Protein backbone atom coordinates (compact mmCIF):
# COMPACT_ATOMS: atom_id res chain seq x y z
CA MET A 1 163.51 32.38 33.90
CA ALA A 2 160.67 33.51 36.12
CA LYS A 3 160.79 36.68 38.18
CA LYS A 4 162.69 36.28 41.41
CA SER A 5 159.61 37.22 43.38
CA TRP A 6 157.69 34.27 41.90
CA ILE A 7 160.54 31.89 42.66
CA GLU A 8 160.69 33.06 46.26
CA ARG A 9 156.91 32.82 46.59
CA ASN A 10 157.00 29.25 45.39
CA LYS A 11 159.88 28.32 47.70
CA LYS A 12 157.62 29.10 50.60
CA ILE A 13 156.06 25.68 50.38
CA GLU A 14 153.76 26.42 53.28
CA ARG A 15 151.75 28.73 51.02
CA ASN A 16 151.18 26.07 48.38
CA LYS A 17 150.45 23.47 51.05
CA LYS A 18 147.89 25.80 52.61
CA LYS A 19 146.22 26.26 49.24
CA GLN A 20 146.14 22.51 48.70
CA ALA A 21 144.69 21.97 52.18
CA VAL A 22 141.95 24.58 51.66
CA ALA A 23 141.09 23.12 48.25
CA ALA A 24 140.84 19.64 49.76
CA ARG A 25 138.71 20.91 52.65
CA TYR A 26 136.15 22.51 50.33
CA ALA A 27 136.26 19.87 47.55
CA GLU A 28 133.09 18.07 48.64
CA LEU A 29 131.13 21.29 49.16
CA ARG A 30 132.30 22.67 45.79
CA ALA A 31 131.19 19.49 44.02
CA LYS A 32 127.79 19.67 45.71
CA LEU A 33 127.30 23.34 44.79
CA LYS A 34 128.37 22.70 41.20
CA ALA A 35 125.95 19.77 40.89
CA GLU A 36 123.11 21.97 42.15
CA GLY A 37 124.15 24.83 39.86
CA ASP A 38 124.45 27.21 42.81
CA TYR A 39 127.03 29.60 41.42
CA VAL A 40 126.23 32.27 43.98
CA GLY A 41 127.16 29.79 46.70
CA LEU A 42 130.41 29.04 44.88
CA THR A 43 131.34 32.70 44.91
CA MET A 44 130.85 32.80 48.67
CA LEU A 45 133.62 30.23 49.19
CA PRO A 46 137.20 31.41 49.80
CA ARG A 47 139.33 32.06 46.73
CA ASN A 48 141.81 29.35 47.60
CA ALA A 49 139.03 26.76 47.72
CA SER A 50 139.49 26.31 43.98
CA PRO A 51 142.12 23.68 43.10
CA THR A 52 143.26 25.74 40.12
CA ARG A 53 144.78 28.30 42.50
CA VAL A 54 147.66 25.92 43.26
CA VAL A 55 150.46 26.57 40.74
CA ASN A 56 153.24 24.09 40.20
CA ARG A 57 156.57 25.77 39.52
CA CYS A 58 160.07 24.49 38.90
CA GLY A 59 162.08 24.45 42.11
CA LEU A 60 165.20 25.58 40.27
CA THR A 61 164.07 28.19 37.73
CA GLY A 62 160.50 29.02 38.77
CA ARG A 63 159.14 28.08 35.34
CA CYS A 64 155.49 26.98 35.48
CA HIS A 65 155.12 25.45 32.00
CA GLY A 66 156.52 22.01 31.24
CA TYR A 67 156.56 21.04 34.92
CA LEU A 68 157.41 17.45 35.85
CA ARG A 69 155.73 16.61 39.16
CA ARG A 70 157.88 13.59 39.88
CA PHE A 71 161.07 15.66 39.92
CA ASN A 72 159.69 19.12 40.88
CA LEU A 73 161.52 20.55 37.85
CA SER A 74 160.65 22.03 34.48
CA ARG A 75 161.48 20.01 31.39
CA ILE A 76 164.42 22.28 30.55
CA ALA A 77 166.01 22.11 34.00
CA PHE A 78 165.37 18.36 34.08
CA ARG A 79 167.16 17.84 30.78
CA GLU A 80 170.17 19.88 31.85
CA LEU A 81 170.52 18.08 35.18
CA ALA A 82 169.93 14.65 33.64
CA SER A 83 172.58 15.16 30.97
CA GLN A 84 175.06 16.22 33.68
CA GLY A 85 174.22 13.06 35.66
CA MET A 86 172.90 15.02 38.63
CA ILE A 87 169.60 13.11 38.89
CA PRO A 88 170.09 9.58 40.28
CA GLY A 89 168.61 6.77 38.22
CA VAL A 90 168.03 8.88 35.11
CA THR A 91 170.04 8.07 31.99
CA LYS A 92 169.81 9.24 28.42
CA SER A 93 168.30 6.57 26.27
CA SER A 94 169.61 5.67 22.83
CA TRP A 95 168.62 2.96 20.38
């Protein structure tokens, strides 16, 4: 399980939405600077202008690896909730 501070940081969705908005705002300019090879210009942009600054974390455990975007959960939390029948429309397959 992730540190509680990371979980709380991620719960503040406004922060992640702000990062996504800043990344979207500067996307065109970043692409232009990269095409020109102007790396000094890239360093002048805000830190959050890079799309890699947005981190997807599990809404339940805060885990960042094995994240399923569709459910906003990590693979482990998804499996536990699915086997308990807590996620509507998800069933365990068998053949």
